Amino acid sequence: ESLVARVPEGWTAVSYAGRRYGLTRKTHTDGRSVSVFAEELGGPGV
């Protein structure tokens, strides 16, 4: 819960393991579910 809570809603540029990612959080069904998707910018990481 705390790990998901620190992800902002919408799209955010982040760094992970020395690489840049686009991190997206979408909250659904009145907060009962959350989708998290991160894609390495210019790389294969997902």
All heavy atoms as atom14 arrays in JSON, in Angstrom:
{
  "sequence": "ESLVARVPEGWTAVSYAGRRYGLTRKTHTDGRSVSVFAEELGGPGV",
  "atom14_mask": [
    [1, 1, 1, 1, 1, 1, 1, 1, 1, 0, 0, 0, 0, 0],
    [1, 1, 1, 1, 1, 1, 0, 0, 0, 0, 0, 0, 0, 0],
    [1, 1, 1, 1, 1, 1, 1, 1, 0, 0, 0, 0, 0, 0],
    [1, 1, 1, 1, 1, 1, 1, 0, 0, 0, 0, 0, 0, 0],
    [1, 1, 1, 1, 1, 0, 0, 0, 0, 0, 0, 0, 0, 0],
    [1, 1, 1, 1, 1, 1, 1, 1, 1, 1, 1, 0, 0, 0],
    [1, 1, 1, 1, 1, 1, 1, 0, 0, 0, 0, 0, 0, 0],
    [1, 1, 1, 1, 1, 1, 1, 0, 0, 0, 0, 0, 0, 0],
    [1, 1, 1, 1, 1, 1, 1, 1, 1, 0, 0, 0, 0, 0],
    [1, 1, 1, 1, 0, 0, 0, 0, 0, 0, 0, 0, 0, 0],
    [1, 1, 1, 1, 1, 1, 1, 1, 1, 1, 1, 1, 1, 1],
    [1, 1, 1, 1, 1, 1, 1, 0, 0, 0, 0, 0, 0, 0],
    [1, 1, 1, 1, 1, 0, 0, 0, 0, 0, 0, 0, 0, 0],
    [1, 1, 1, 1, 1, 1, 1, 0, 0, 0, 0, 0, 0, 0],
    [1, 1, 1, 1, 1, 1, 0, 0, 0, 0, 0, 0, 0, 0],
    [1, 1, 1, 1, 1, 1, 1, 1, 1, 1, 1, 1, 0, 0],
    [1, 1, 1, 1, 1, 0, 0, 0, 0, 0, 0, 0, 0, 0],
    [1, 1, 1, 1, 0, 0, 0, 0, 0, 0, 0, 0, 0, 0],
    [1, 1, 1, 1, 1, 1, 1, 1, 1, 1, 1, 0, 0, 0],
    [1, 1, 1, 1, 1, 1, 1, 1, 1, 1, 1, 0, 0, 0],
    [1, 1, 1, 1, 1, 1, 1, 1, 1, 1, 1, 1, 0, 0],
    [1, 1, 1, 1, 0, 0, 0, 0, 0, 0, 0, 0, 0, 0],
    [1, 1, 1, 1, 1, 1, 1, 1, 0, 0, 0, 0, 0, 0],
    [1, 1, 1, 1, 1, 1, 1, 0, 0, 0, 0, 0, 0, 0],
    [1, 1, 1, 1, 1, 1, 1, 1, 1, 1, 1, 0, 0, 0],
    [1, 1, 1, 1, 1, 1, 1, 1, 1, 0, 0, 0, 0, 0],
    [1, 1, 1, 1, 1, 1, 1, 0, 0, 0, 0, 0, 0, 0],
    [1, 1, 1, 1, 1, 1, 1, 1, 1, 1, 0, 0, 0, 0],
    [1, 1, 1, 1, 1, 1, 1, 0, 0, 0, 0, 0, 0, 0],
    [1, 1, 1, 1, 1, 1, 1, 1, 0, 0, 0, 0, 0, 0],
    [1, 1, 1, 1, 0, 0, 0, 0, 0, 0, 0, 0, 0, 0],
    [1, 1, 1, 1, 1, 1, 1, 1, 1, 1, 1, 0, 0, 0],
    [1, 1, 1, 1, 1, 1, 0, 0, 0, 0, 0, 0, 0, 0],
    [1, 1, 1, 1, 1, 1, 1, 0, 0, 0, 0, 0, 0, 0],
    [1, 1, 1, 1, 1, 1, 0, 0, 0, 0, 0, 0, 0, 0],
    [1, 1, 1, 1, 1, 1, 1, 0, 0, 0, 0, 0, 0, 0],
    [1, 1, 1, 1, 1, 1, 1, 1, 1, 1, 1, 0, 0, 0],
    [1, 1, 1, 1, 1, 0, 0, 0, 0, 0, 0, 0, 0, 0],
    [1, 1, 1, 1, 1, 1, 1, 1, 1, 0, 0, 0, 0, 0],
    [1, 1, 1, 1, 1, 1, 1, 1, 1, 0, 0, 0, 0, 0],
    [1, 1, 1, 1, 1, 1, 1, 1, 0, 0, 0, 0, 0, 0],
    [1, 1, 1, 1, 0, 0, 0, 0, 0, 0, 0, 0, 0, 0],
    [1, 1, 1, 1, 0, 0, 0, 0, 0, 0, 0, 0, 0, 0],
    [1, 1, 1, 1, 1, 1, 1, 0, 0, 0, 0, 0, 0, 0],
    [1, 1, 1, 1, 0, 0, 0, 0, 0, 0, 0, 0, 0, 0],
    [1, 1, 1, 1, 1, 1, 1, 0, 0, 0, 0, 0, 0, 0]
  ],
  "atom14_positions": [
    [[0.83, -1.22, 0.0], [0.0, 0.0, 0.0], [0.85, 1.26, 0.0], [0.59, 2.2, -0.74], [-0.94, 0.01, 1.21], [-2.12, -0.91, 1.07], [-3.24, -0.33, 0.2], [-3.2, 0.85, -0.18], [-4.15, -1.1, -0.09], [0.0, 0.0, 0.0], [0.0, 0.0, 0.0], [0.0, 0.0, 0.0], [0.0, 0.0, 0.0], [0.0, 0.0, 0.0]],
    [[1.9, 1.29, 0.83], [2.74, 2.49, 0.9], [3.57, 2.67, -0.37], [3.8, 3.8, -0.81], [3.64, 2.46, 2.14], [4.61, 1.44, 2.05], [0.0, 0.0, 0.0], [0.0, 0.0, 0.0], [0.0, 0.0, 0.0], [0.0, 0.0, 0.0], [0.0, 0.0, 0.0], [0.0, 0.0, 0.0], [0.0, 0.0, 0.0], [0.0, 0.0, 0.0]],
    [[4.0, 1.56, -0.98], [4.74, 1.66, -2.23], [3.87, 2.22, -3.35], [4.32, 3.06, -4.14], [5.3, 0.29, -2.63], [6.41, -0.27, -1.73], [6.75, -1.69, -2.15], [7.63, 0.62, -1.75], [0.0, 0.0, 0.0], [0.0, 0.0, 0.0], [0.0, 0.0, 0.0], [0.0, 0.0, 0.0], [0.0, 0.0, 0.0], [0.0, 0.0, 0.0]],
    [[2.64, 1.76, -3.43], [1.72, 2.26, -4.46], [1.32, 3.7, -4.18], [1.23, 4.53, -5.09], [0.48, 1.34, -4.58], [-0.57, 1.94, -5.5], [0.89, -0.03, -5.08], [0.0, 0.0, 0.0], [0.0, 0.0, 0.0], [0.0, 0.0, 0.0], [0.0, 0.0, 0.0], [0.0, 0.0, 0.0], [0.0, 0.0, 0.0], [0.0, 0.0, 0.0]],
    [[1.14, 4.05, -2.91], [0.72, 5.4, -2.54], [1.75, 6.45, -2.93], [1.38, 7.6, -3.21], [0.45, 5.47, -1.04], [0.0, 0.0, 0.0], [0.0, 0.0, 0.0], [0.0, 0.0, 0.0], [0.0, 0.0, 0.0], [0.0, 0.0, 0.0], [0.0, 0.0, 0.0], [0.0, 0.0, 0.0], [0.0, 0.0, 0.0], [0.0, 0.0, 0.0]],
    [[3.02, 6.09, -3.02], [4.03, 7.08, -3.39], [4.1, 7.34, -4.89], [4.78, 8.25, -5.34], [5.39, 6.72, -2.8], [6.08, 5.52, -3.39], [7.4, 5.21, -2.69], [8.47, 6.09, -3.07], [9.43, 5.78, -3.96], [9.43, 4.59, -4.55], [10.38, 6.64, -4.25], [0.0, 0.0, 0.0], [0.0, 0.0, 0.0], [0.0, 0.0, 0.0]],
    [[3.41, 6.53, -5.69], [3.38, 6.74, -7.14], [2.29, 7.77, -7.45], [1.13, 7.55, -7.14], [3.07, 5.42, -7.9], [2.99, 5.67, -9.39], [4.12, 4.36, -7.57], [0.0, 0.0, 0.0], [0.0, 0.0, 0.0], [0.0, 0.0, 0.0], [0.0, 0.0, 0.0], [0.0, 0.0, 0.0], [0.0, 0.0, 0.0], [0.0, 0.0, 0.0]],
    [[2.66, 8.91, -8.05], [1.64, 9.91, -8.36], [0.69, 9.45, -9.46], [1.08, 8.66, -10.33], [2.44, 11.13, -8.81], [3.84, 10.69, -9.0], [4.0, 9.31, -8.42], [0.0, 0.0, 0.0], [0.0, 0.0, 0.0], [0.0, 0.0, 0.0], [0.0, 0.0, 0.0], [0.0, 0.0, 0.0], [0.0, 0.0, 0.0], [0.0, 0.0, 0.0]],
    [[-0.52, 9.92, -9.41], [-1.51, 9.64, -10.46], [-1.03, 10.26, -11.76], [-0.45, 11.34, -11.77], [-2.87, 10.21, -10.04], [-4.01, 9.77, -10.9], [-4.44, 8.32, -10.69], [-4.19, 7.75, -9.61], [-5.02, 7.76, -11.64], [0.0, 0.0, 0.0], [0.0, 0.0, 0.0], [0.0, 0.0, 0.0], [0.0, 0.0, 0.0], [0.0, 0.0, 0.0]],
    [[-1.26, 9.58, -12.87], [-0.86, 10.1, -14.18], [0.56, 9.67, -14.54], [1.08, 8.69, -14.01], [0.0, 0.0, 0.0], [0.0, 0.0, 0.0], [0.0, 0.0, 0.0], [0.0, 0.0, 0.0], [0.0, 0.0, 0.0], [0.0, 0.0, 0.0], [0.0, 0.0, 0.0], [0.0, 0.0, 0.0], [0.0, 0.0, 0.0], [0.0, 0.0, 0.0]],
    [[1.19, 10.44, -15.44], [2.52, 10.1, -15.96], [3.57, 10.94, -15.26], [3.39, 12.14, -15.05], [2.56, 10.37, -17.46], [3.81, 9.88, -18.13], [3.99, 8.65, -18.68], [5.03, 10.59, -18.32], [5.25, 8.54, -19.21], [5.92, 9.73, -19.01], [5.48, 11.86, -17.99], [7.22, 10.1, -19.37], [6.77, 12.23, -18.34], [7.62, 11.36, -19.02]],
    [[4.71, 10.29, -14.91], [5.81, 10.95, -14.24], [7.13, 10.41, -14.77], [7.26, 9.19, -14.95], [5.76, 10.68, -12.72], [4.49, 11.06, -12.22], [6.84, 11.44, -11.97], [0.0, 0.0, 0.0], [0.0, 0.0, 0.0], [0.0, 0.0, 0.0], [0.0, 0.0, 0.0], [0.0, 0.0, 0.0], [0.0, 0.0, 0.0], [0.0, 0.0, 0.0]],
    [[8.1, 11.28, -15.02], [9.45, 10.84, -15.39], [10.19, 10.5, -14.12], [10.21, 11.28, -13.16], [10.17, 11.94, -16.16], [0.0, 0.0, 0.0], [0.0, 0.0, 0.0], [0.0, 0.0, 0.0], [0.0, 0.0, 0.0], [0.0, 0.0, 0.0], [0.0, 0.0, 0.0], [0.0, 0.0, 0.0], [0.0, 0.0, 0.0], [0.0, 0.0, 0.0]],
    [[10.78, 9.3, -14.1], [11.49, 8.82, -12.91], [12.82, 8.19, -13.32], [13.08, 7.94, -14.5], [10.65, 7.8, -12.1], [9.31, 8.4, -11.7], [10.45, 6.5, -12.86], [0.0, 0.0, 0.0], [0.0, 0.0, 0.0], [0.0, 0.0, 0.0], [0.0, 0.0, 0.0], [0.0, 0.0, 0.0], [0.0, 0.0, 0.0], [0.0, 0.0, 0.0]],
    [[13.63, 7.92, -12.31], [14.89, 7.22, -12.5], [14.84, 5.92, -11.7], [14.34, 5.9, -10.57], [16.04, 8.11, -11.99], [17.26, 7.4, -12.03], [0.0, 0.0, 0.0], [0.0, 0.0, 0.0], [0.0, 0.0, 0.0], [0.0, 0.0, 0.0], [0.0, 0.0, 0.0], [0.0, 0.0, 0.0], [0.0, 0.0, 0.0], [0.0, 0.0, 0.0]],
    [[15.37, 4.87, -12.3], [15.46, 3.59, -11.61], [16.7, 2.86, -12.13], [16.86, 2.72, -13.36], [14.2, 2.74, -11.86], [14.32, 1.34, -11.33], [14.29, 1.1, -9.96], [14.49, 0.27, -12.18], [14.42, -0.19, -9.46], [14.61, -1.01, -11.69], [14.58, -1.24, -10.33], [14.71, -2.5, -9.84], [0.0, 0.0, 0.0], [0.0, 0.0, 0.0]],
    [[17.55, 2.44, -11.24], [18.76, 1.69, -11.59], [19.59, 2.43, -12.63], [20.13, 1.83, -13.55], [18.4, 0.28, -12.06], [0.0, 0.0, 0.0], [0.0, 0.0, 0.0], [0.0, 0.0, 0.0], [0.0, 0.0, 0.0], [0.0, 0.0, 0.0], [0.0, 0.0, 0.0], [0.0, 0.0, 0.0], [0.0, 0.0, 0.0], [0.0, 0.0, 0.0]],
    [[19.65, 3.75, -12.49], [20.45, 4.57, -13.39], [19.84, 4.81, -14.76], [20.5, 5.35, -15.65], [0.0, 0.0, 0.0], [0.0, 0.0, 0.0], [0.0, 0.0, 0.0], [0.0, 0.0, 0.0], [0.0, 0.0, 0.0], [0.0, 0.0, 0.0], [0.0, 0.0, 0.0], [0.0, 0.0, 0.0], [0.0, 0.0, 0.0], [0.0, 0.0, 0.0]],
    [[18.58, 4.43, -14.94], [17.91, 4.62, -16.24], [16.65, 5.46, -16.05], [16.05, 5.47, -14.99], [17.55, 3.26, -16.84], [18.77, 2.43, -17.16], [18.35, 1.13, -17.82], [19.49, 0.43, -18.34], [20.13, -0.55, -17.7], [19.74, -0.92, -16.5], [21.16, -1.14, -18.25], [0.0, 0.0, 0.0], [0.0, 0.0, 0.0], [0.0, 0.0, 0.0]],
    [[16.25, 6.13, -17.12], [15.04, 6.96, -17.09], [13.83, 6.14, -17.52], [13.9, 5.37, -18.48], [15.19, 8.16, -18.03], [16.21, 9.17, -17.56], [16.47, 10.25, -18.6], [15.26, 10.79, -19.19], [14.68, 11.93, -18.82], [15.2, 12.66, -17.87], [13.58, 12.36, -19.41], [0.0, 0.0, 0.0], [0.0, 0.0, 0.0], [0.0, 0.0, 0.0]],
    [[12.74, 6.32, -16.79], [11.49, 5.63, -17.07], [10.35, 6.63, -17.09], [10.38, 7.64, -16.39], [11.17, 4.59, -15.98], [11.92, 3.3, -16.09], [13.24, 3.2, -15.69], [11.3, 2.15, -16.58], [13.94, 2.0, -15.78], [11.99, 0.95, -16.66], [13.31, 0.89, -16.27], [13.98, -0.29, -16.36], [0.0, 0.0, 0.0], [0.0, 0.0, 0.0]],
    [[9.32, 6.33, -17.86], [8.04, 7.0, -17.77], [7.14, 6.11, -16.93], [6.88, 4.96, -17.3], [0.0, 0.0, 0.0], [0.0, 0.0, 0.0], [0.0, 0.0, 0.0], [0.0, 0.0, 0.0], [0.0, 0.0, 0.0], [0.0, 0.0, 0.0], [0.0, 0.0, 0.0], [0.0, 0.0, 0.0], [0.0, 0.0, 0.0], [0.0, 0.0, 0.0]],
    [[6.7, 6.62, -15.78], [5.9, 5.84, -14.83], [4.46, 6.36, -14.85], [4.24, 7.56, -14.69], [6.49, 5.98, -13.43], [5.73, 5.38, -12.25], [5.51, 3.89, -12.44], [6.48, 5.67, -10.95], [0.0, 0.0, 0.0], [0.0, 0.0, 0.0], [0.0, 0.0, 0.0], [0.0, 0.0, 0.0], [0.0, 0.0, 0.0], [0.0, 0.0, 0.0]],
    [[3.52, 5.47, -15.07], [2.11, 5.85, -15.13], [1.32, 5.09, -14.08], [1.47, 3.87, -13.94], [1.51, 5.54, -16.52], [2.27, 6.23, -17.52], [0.06, 5.97, -16.61], [0.0, 0.0, 0.0], [0.0, 0.0, 0.0], [0.0, 0.0, 0.0], [0.0, 0.0, 0.0], [0.0, 0.0, 0.0], [0.0, 0.0, 0.0], [0.0, 0.0, 0.0]],
    [[0.48, 5.84, -13.36], [-0.44, 5.24, -12.39], [-1.85, 5.65, -12.79], [-2.13, 6.83, -13.03], [-0.16, 5.74, -10.98], [-1.23, 5.28, -10.0], [-1.06, 5.95, -8.67], [-2.27, 5.75, -7.87], [-2.27, 5.69, -6.55], [-1.15, 5.83, -5.88], [-3.39, 5.53, -5.9], [0.0, 0.0, 0.0], [0.0, 0.0, 0.0], [0.0, 0.0, 0.0]],
    [[-2.74, 4.67, -12.85], [-4.16, 4.92, -13.11], [-4.96, 4.24, -12.01], [-4.81, 3.04, -11.78], [-4.59, 4.38, -14.47], [-3.98, 5.11, -15.63], [-4.48, 4.56, -16.94], [-3.78, 5.24, -18.1], [-4.17, 4.65, -19.38], [0.0, 0.0, 0.0], [0.0, 0.0, 0.0], [0.0, 0.0, 0.0], [0.0, 0.0, 0.0], [0.0, 0.0, 0.0]],
    [[-5.82, 5.0, -11.35], [-6.66, 4.46, -10.3], [-8.04, 4.17, -10.89], [-8.58, 5.0, -11.62], [-6.76, 5.45, -9.12], [-5.43, 5.71, -8.66], [-7.59, 4.89, -7.99], [0.0, 0.0, 0.0], [0.0, 0.0, 0.0], [0.0, 0.0, 0.0], [0.0, 0.0, 0.0], [0.0, 0.0, 0.0], [0.0, 0.0, 0.0], [0.0, 0.0, 0.0]],
    [[-8.59, 3.0, -10.57], [-9.87, 2.56, -11.13], [-10.85, 2.21, -10.0], [-10.45, 1.98, -8.87], [-9.67, 1.3, -11.99], [-8.6, 1.43, -13.02], [-8.79, 2.03, -14.23], [-7.3, 1.05, -13.0], [-7.67, 1.99, -14.93], [-6.75, 1.41, -14.2], [0.0, 0.0, 0.0], [0.0, 0.0, 0.0], [0.0, 0.0, 0.0], [0.0, 0.0, 0.0]],
    [[-12.1, 2.1, -10.37], [-13.19, 1.62, -9.5], [-13.14, 2.23, -8.1], [-13.01, 1.52, -7.1], [-13.23, 0.07, -9.41], [-11.98, -0.41, -8.95], [-13.57, -0.55, -10.74], [0.0, 0.0, 0.0], [0.0, 0.0, 0.0], [0.0, 0.0, 0.0], [0.0, 0.0, 0.0], [0.0, 0.0, 0.0], [0.0, 0.0, 0.0], [0.0, 0.0, 0.0]],
    [[-13.2, 3.55, -8.07], [-13.23, 4.28, -6.79], [-12.06, 3.93, -5.88], [-12.2, 3.84, -4.67], [-14.55, 4.04, -6.06], [-15.75, 4.55, -6.83], [-15.62, 5.59, -7.51], [-16.81, 3.91, -6.77], [0.0, 0.0, 0.0], [0.0, 0.0, 0.0], [0.0, 0.0, 0.0], [0.0, 0.0, 0.0], [0.0, 0.0, 0.0], [0.0, 0.0, 0.0]],
    [[-10.89, 3.7, -6.48], [-9.7, 3.43, -5.7], [-9.49, 1.98, -5.32], [-8.51, 1.66, -4.64], [0.0, 0.0, 0.0], [0.0, 0.0, 0.0], [0.0, 0.0, 0.0], [0.0, 0.0, 0.0], [0.0, 0.0, 0.0], [0.0, 0.0, 0.0], [0.0, 0.0, 0.0], [0.0, 0.0, 0.0], [0.0, 0.0, 0.0], [0.0, 0.0, 0.0]],
    [[-10.37, 1.11, -5.75], [-10.23, -0.31, -5.39], [-9.16, -1.03, -6.19], [-8.72, -2.11, -5.81], [-11.56, -1.02, -5.48], [-12.54, -0.54, -4.43], [-13.82, -1.29, -4.51], [-14.39, -1.11, -5.85], [-15.67, -0.97, -6.12], [-16.54, -1.04, -5.15], [-16.09, -0.8, -7.34], [0.0, 0.0, 0.0], [0.0, 0.0, 0.0], [0.0, 0.0, 0.0]],
    [[-8.74, -0.46, -7.31], [-7.64, -1.05, -8.07], [-6.79, 0.05, -8.67], [-7.25, 1.15, -8.95], [-8.16, -1.99, -9.17], [-8.8, -1.27, -10.19], [0.0, 0.0, 0.0], [0.0, 0.0, 0.0], [0.0, 0.0, 0.0], [0.0, 0.0, 0.0], [0.0, 0.0, 0.0], [0.0, 0.0, 0.0], [0.0, 0.0, 0.0], [0.0, 0.0, 0.0]],
    [[-5.51, -0.27, -8.84], [-4.53, 0.67, -9.37], [-3.69, -0.07, -10.4], [-3.22, -1.19, -10.14], [-3.63, 1.23, -8.26], [-2.52, 2.11, -8.84], [-4.44, 2.0, -7.23], [0.0, 0.0, 0.0], [0.0, 0.0, 0.0], [0.0, 0.0, 0.0], [0.0, 0.0, 0.0], [0.0, 0.0, 0.0], [0.0, 0.0, 0.0], [0.0, 0.0, 0.0]],
    [[-3.5, 0.54, -11.56], [-2.59, 0.01, -12.57], [-1.3, 0.83, -12.52], [-1.35, 2.06, -12.46], [-3.19, 0.14, -13.97], [-4.37, -0.59, -14.07], [0.0, 0.0, 0.0], [0.0, 0.0, 0.0], [0.0, 0.0, 0.0], [0.0, 0.0, 0.0], [0.0, 0.0, 0.0], [0.0, 0.0, 0.0], [0.0, 0.0, 0.0], [0.0, 0.0, 0.0]],
    [[-0.18, 0.14, -12.54], [1.13, 0.79, -12.56], [1.88, 0.26, -13.79], [1.97, -0.96, -13.97], [1.93, 0.48, -11.28], [3.32, 1.08, -11.35], [1.19, 0.97, -10.05], [0.0, 0.0, 0.0], [0.0, 0.0, 0.0], [0.0, 0.0, 0.0], [0.0, 0.0, 0.0], [0.0, 0.0, 0.0], [0.0, 0.0, 0.0], [0.0, 0.0, 0.0]],
    [[2.39, 1.19, -14.61], [3.12, 0.81, -15.8], [4.32, 1.73, -15.94], [4.17, 2.95, -15.88], [2.25, 0.91, -17.05], [2.95, 0.53, -18.31], [3.15, -0.8, -18.63], [3.42, 1.5, -19.18], [3.82, -1.15, -19.8], [4.09, 1.15, -20.35], [4.28, -0.18, -20.66], [0.0, 0.0, 0.0], [0.0, 0.0, 0.0], [0.0, 0.0, 0.0]],
    [[5.5, 1.15, -16.08], [6.72, 1.92, -16.27], [7.43, 1.41, -17.51], [7.57, 0.2, -17.7], [7.62, 1.82, -15.06], [0.0, 0.0, 0.0], [0.0, 0.0, 0.0], [0.0, 0.0, 0.0], [0.0, 0.0, 0.0], [0.0, 0.0, 0.0], [0.0, 0.0, 0.0], [0.0, 0.0, 0.0], [0.0, 0.0, 0.0], [0.0, 0.0, 0.0]],
    [[7.86, 2.35, -18.34], [8.55, 2.0, -19.58], [9.87, 2.77, -19.63], [9.88, 3.99, -19.47], [7.68, 2.35, -20.77], [8.26, 1.95, -22.09], [7.27, 2.16, -23.23], [6.36, 2.99, -23.1], [7.44, 1.49, -24.26], [0.0, 0.0, 0.0], [0.0, 0.0, 0.0], [0.0, 0.0, 0.0], [0.0, 0.0, 0.0], [0.0, 0.0, 0.0]],
    [[10.96, 2.03, -19.82], [12.27, 2.66, -19.93], [12.28, 3.56, -21.16], [11.92, 3.13, -22.26], [13.36, 1.6, -20.02], [14.76, 2.18, -20.04], [15.82, 1.11, -20.14], [15.51, -0.1, -20.06], [16.99, 1.5, -20.31], [0.0, 0.0, 0.0], [0.0, 0.0, 0.0], [0.0, 0.0, 0.0], [0.0, 0.0, 0.0], [0.0, 0.0, 0.0]],
    [[12.68, 4.81, -20.97], [12.72, 5.77, -22.08], [13.97, 5.51, -22.89], [15.08, 5.66, -22.42], [12.68, 7.2, -21.53], [11.48, 7.53, -20.66], [11.59, 8.94, -20.08], [10.18, 7.37, -21.44], [0.0, 0.0, 0.0], [0.0, 0.0, 0.0], [0.0, 0.0, 0.0], [0.0, 0.0, 0.0], [0.0, 0.0, 0.0], [0.0, 0.0, 0.0]],
    [[13.79, 5.08, -24.14], [14.91, 4.76, -25.01], [15.52, 3.4, -24.75], [16.64, 3.13, -25.18], [0.0, 0.0, 0.0], [0.0, 0.0, 0.0], [0.0, 0.0, 0.0], [0.0, 0.0, 0.0], [0.0, 0.0, 0.0], [0.0, 0.0, 0.0], [0.0, 0.0, 0.0], [0.0, 0.0, 0.0], [0.0, 0.0, 0.0], [0.0, 0.0, 0.0]],
    [[14.81, 2.54, -24.05], [15.34, 1.2, -23.75], [14.23, 0.18, -23.67], [13.05, 0.5, -23.81], [0.0, 0.0, 0.0], [0.0, 0.0, 0.0], [0.0, 0.0, 0.0], [0.0, 0.0, 0.0], [0.0, 0.0, 0.0], [0.0, 0.0, 0.0], [0.0, 0.0, 0.0], [0.0, 0.0, 0.0], [0.0, 0.0, 0.0], [0.0, 0.0, 0.0]],
    [[14.59, -1.06, -23.4], [13.61, -2.16, -23.42], [12.9, -2.44, -22.1], [12.0, -3.27, -22.05], [14.47, -3.37, -23.8], [15.8, -3.06, -23.17], [15.95, -1.56, -23.29], [0.0, 0.0, 0.0], [0.0, 0.0, 0.0], [0.0, 0.0, 0.0], [0.0, 0.0, 0.0], [0.0, 0.0, 0.0], [0.0, 0.0, 0.0], [0.0, 0.0, 0.0]],
    [[13.28, -1.78, -21.01], [12.74, -2.12, -19.7], [11.27, -1.78, -19.55], [10.82, -0.71, -19.97], [0.0, 0.0, 0.0], [0.0, 0.0, 0.0], [0.0, 0.0, 0.0], [0.0, 0.0, 0.0], [0.0, 0.0, 0.0], [0.0, 0.0, 0.0], [0.0, 0.0, 0.0], [0.0, 0.0, 0.0], [0.0, 0.0, 0.0], [0.0, 0.0, 0.0]],
    [[10.52, -2.7, -18.94], [9.09, -2.5, -18.68], [8.77, -3.11, -17.32], [9.28, -4.18, -16.97], [8.22, -3.18, -19.76], [6.75, -3.14, -19.39], [8.42, -2.53, -21.11], [0.0, 0.0, 0.0], [0.0, 0.0, 0.0], [0.0, 0.0, 0.0], [0.0, 0.0, 0.0], [0.0, 0.0, 0.0], [0.0, 0.0, 0.0], [0.0, 0.0, 0.0]]
  ]
}
